Protein backbone atom coordinates (compact mmCIF):
# COMPACT_ATOMS: atom_id res chain seq x y z
CA UNK A 1 -9.16 -267.52 52.59
CA UNK A 2 -5.53 -267.04 53.54
CA UNK A 3 -4.59 -266.72 57.14
CA UNK A 4 -2.44 -263.84 58.30
CA UNK A 5 0.40 -266.16 59.26
CA UNK A 6 0.40 -267.86 55.86
CA UNK A 7 0.42 -264.48 54.08
CA UNK A 8 3.29 -263.21 56.23
CA UNK A 9 5.27 -266.41 55.69
CA UNK A 10 4.76 -266.27 51.92
CA UNK A 11 5.83 -262.62 51.81
CA UNK A 12 8.93 -263.37 53.89
CA UNK A 13 9.94 -266.30 51.70
CA UNK A 14 9.43 -264.22 48.55
CA UNK A 15 11.60 -261.44 49.97
CA UNK A 16 14.31 -263.95 50.88
CA UNK A 17 14.20 -265.38 47.35
CA UNK A 18 14.46 -261.88 45.85
CA UNK A 19 17.41 -261.09 48.09
CA UNK A 20 19.21 -264.26 47.00
CA UNK A 21 18.51 -263.52 43.34
CA UNK A 22 19.74 -259.93 43.73
CA UNK A 23 22.95 -261.29 45.24
CA UNK A 24 23.38 -263.63 42.26
CA UNK A 25 22.67 -260.80 39.81
CA UNK A 26 25.24 -258.52 41.41
CA UNK A 27 27.82 -261.31 41.57
CA UNK A 28 27.35 -262.07 37.86
CA UNK A 29 27.65 -258.36 36.99
CA UNK A 30 30.92 -258.15 38.93
CA UNK A 31 32.22 -261.29 37.23
CA UNK A 32 31.38 -259.95 33.75
CA UNK A 33 33.08 -256.65 34.56
CA UNK A 34 36.20 -258.52 35.68
CA UNK A 35 36.18 -260.55 32.49
CA UNK A 36 35.94 -257.35 30.44
CA UNK A 37 38.92 -255.90 32.29
CA UNK A 38 40.88 -259.13 31.83
CA UNK A 39 40.25 -259.08 28.07
CA UNK A 40 41.90 -255.66 27.86
CA UNK A 41 45.26 -256.99 29.07
CA UNK A 42 45.31 -260.56 27.73
CA UNK A 43 47.52 -261.05 24.69
CA UNK A 44 47.12 -264.80 24.14
CA UNK A 45 44.33 -265.45 21.62
CA UNK A 46 43.42 -268.81 23.17
CA UNK A 47 43.03 -267.28 26.62
CA UNK A 48 41.05 -264.39 25.15
CA UNK A 49 38.75 -266.88 23.42
CA UNK A 50 38.20 -268.79 26.68
CA UNK A 51 37.41 -265.55 28.53
CA UNK A 52 35.01 -264.54 25.76
CA UNK A 53 33.19 -267.88 26.03
CA UNK A 54 33.00 -267.60 29.81
CA UNK A 55 31.69 -264.04 29.50
CA UNK A 56 29.03 -265.20 27.04
CA UNK A 57 27.90 -267.93 29.45
CA UNK A 58 27.86 -265.45 32.34
CA UNK A 59 25.69 -263.04 30.33
CA UNK A 60 23.27 -265.86 29.56
CA UNK A 61 23.10 -266.81 33.25
CA UNK A 62 22.59 -263.14 34.12
CA UNK A 63 19.60 -262.93 31.78
CA UNK A 64 18.11 -266.11 33.26
CA UNK A 65 18.61 -264.87 36.82
CA UNK A 66 17.07 -261.50 36.01
CA UNK A 67 14.05 -263.26 34.53
CA UNK A 68 13.68 -265.34 37.70
CA UNK A 69 13.89 -262.17 39.79
CA UNK A 70 11.25 -260.44 37.67
CA UNK A 71 8.99 -263.48 37.98
CA UNK A 72 8.81 -262.99 41.77
CA UNK A 73 6.77 -259.82 41.32
CA UNK A 74 3.04 -259.73 40.61
CA UNK A 75 1.80 -259.24 37.06
CA UNK A 76 2.19 -255.68 35.82
CA UNK A 77 5.31 -254.89 37.85
CA UNK A 78 8.43 -254.64 35.72
CA UNK A 79 12.00 -253.81 36.60
CA UNK A 80 14.26 -252.37 33.89
CA UNK A 81 17.95 -253.17 33.87
CA UNK A 82 20.78 -250.90 32.73
CA UNK A 83 23.18 -253.62 31.60
CA UNK A 84 22.22 -256.60 29.46
């Protein structure tokens, strides 16, 4: 049987973890948007390739972070995302 203090502490730590993950998600979304804008003005193919690789890695990290965020919820609760 869980004590009230232990339940409150667990809920607080879960909320703090979710907040940190939301911050990471938003930061990655901003970074990907900046990379998209940079690709519009870059003329050097080597630089464009490097930005494309970095954007691909950022999208992968975004998917991983979103999965970690979703895992903090109980089974049956699902959050849908607008941008992949």
